Amino acid sequence: MKDKAMPVVSAQGADFVWRAGGAIALHKQNGYRVKVVCLSFGERGVQARRNIGITAVRDMRYAQGYRRLTPAVTGDLA
């Protein structure tokens, strides 16, 4: 059987989570190997709106992405 793969390319983390999360979960559940590539943390927009440092936003985004992706990496998607 040929290995099924689904690449996901996202401008920043919130894009794939809010716009493609259901499709990603469905494909994972159906046996696809899913790889997500985020091109940025989206830190400039958040930093401007919240008036916090870019490094703080990057750290926050990294933590958010890690928490959301950990079940997919371990194969424990509900």
Protein backbone atom coordinates (compact mmCIF):
# COMPACT_ATOMS: atom_id res chain seq x y z
CA MET A 1 0.00 0.00 0.00
CA LYS A 2 1.31 3.43 -0.91
CA ASP A 3 1.92 5.79 2.01
CA LYS A 4 -0.64 8.61 2.01
CA ALA A 5 0.69 12.05 2.91
CA MET A 6 -0.89 15.46 3.37
CA PRO A 7 1.41 18.49 3.38
CA VAL A 8 -0.03 21.65 4.97
CA VAL A 9 1.67 24.99 4.33
CA SER A 10 0.46 27.93 6.40
CA ALA A 11 1.47 31.57 6.54
CA GLN A 12 1.25 31.42 10.33
CA GLY A 13 -0.03 29.11 13.04
CA ALA A 14 -3.54 30.46 13.46
CA ASP A 15 -4.26 29.94 9.76
CA PHE A 16 -3.95 26.15 9.73
CA VAL A 17 -5.54 25.76 13.16
CA TRP A 18 -8.68 27.79 12.45
CA ARG A 19 -9.06 27.23 8.72
CA ALA A 20 -7.90 23.67 8.13
CA GLY A 21 -7.94 21.96 11.54
CA GLY A 22 -10.94 19.79 10.72
CA ALA A 23 -9.55 18.65 7.37
CA ILE A 24 -6.18 17.89 8.95
CA ALA A 25 -7.80 15.84 11.73
CA LEU A 26 -10.00 13.96 9.25
CA HIS A 27 -7.06 13.06 7.01
CA LYS A 28 -4.97 11.99 10.02
CA GLN A 29 -7.84 9.81 11.21
CA ASN A 30 -8.04 8.25 7.72
CA GLY A 31 -4.41 7.17 7.82
CA TYR A 32 -2.64 10.09 6.20
CA ARG A 33 0.78 11.20 7.38
CA VAL A 34 0.38 14.95 7.99
CA LYS A 35 3.22 17.47 7.95
CA VAL A 36 2.51 21.09 8.87
CA VAL A 37 4.90 23.88 7.89
CA CYS A 38 4.28 27.36 9.32
CA LEU A 39 6.16 30.13 7.57
CA SER A 40 5.95 32.54 10.52
CA PHE A 41 4.56 32.90 14.01
CA GLY A 42 2.41 35.88 12.94
CA GLU A 43 4.25 37.90 15.54
CA ARG A 44 4.18 41.30 13.85
CA GLY A 45 0.37 41.60 13.81
CA VAL A 46 -0.06 40.44 17.41
CA GLN A 47 2.82 42.60 18.61
CA ALA A 48 1.29 45.69 17.05
CA ARG A 49 -2.19 45.02 18.48
CA ARG A 50 -1.09 44.07 21.99
CA ASN A 51 2.00 46.25 22.31
CA ILE A 52 4.18 43.38 23.53
CA GLY A 53 7.62 42.31 22.35
CA ILE A 54 8.10 40.16 19.27
CA THR A 55 10.06 37.58 21.28
CA ALA A 56 7.17 37.23 23.73
CA VAL A 57 4.75 36.65 20.84
CA ARG A 58 7.05 34.05 19.26
CA ASP A 59 7.28 32.19 22.55
CA MET A 60 3.50 32.32 22.97
CA ARG A 61 2.86 31.08 19.42
CA TYR A 62 5.39 28.27 19.76
CA ALA A 63 3.71 27.07 22.96
CA GLN A 64 0.25 27.25 21.35
CA GLY A 65 1.34 25.27 18.29
CA TYR A 66 3.14 22.67 20.37
CA ARG A 67 0.07 22.06 22.56
CA ARG A 68 -2.19 21.70 19.53
CA LEU A 69 0.12 19.45 17.53
CA THR A 70 1.30 17.12 20.29
CA PRO A 71 -1.74 14.78 19.95
CA ALA A 72 -1.18 14.59 16.17
CA VAL A 73 2.49 13.78 16.61
CA THR A 74 1.74 11.01 19.10
CA GLY A 75 -1.23 9.77 17.05
CA ASP A 76 -3.78 10.49 19.77
CA LEU A 77 -6.21 12.66 17.83
CA ALA A 78 -9.71 12.44 19.21
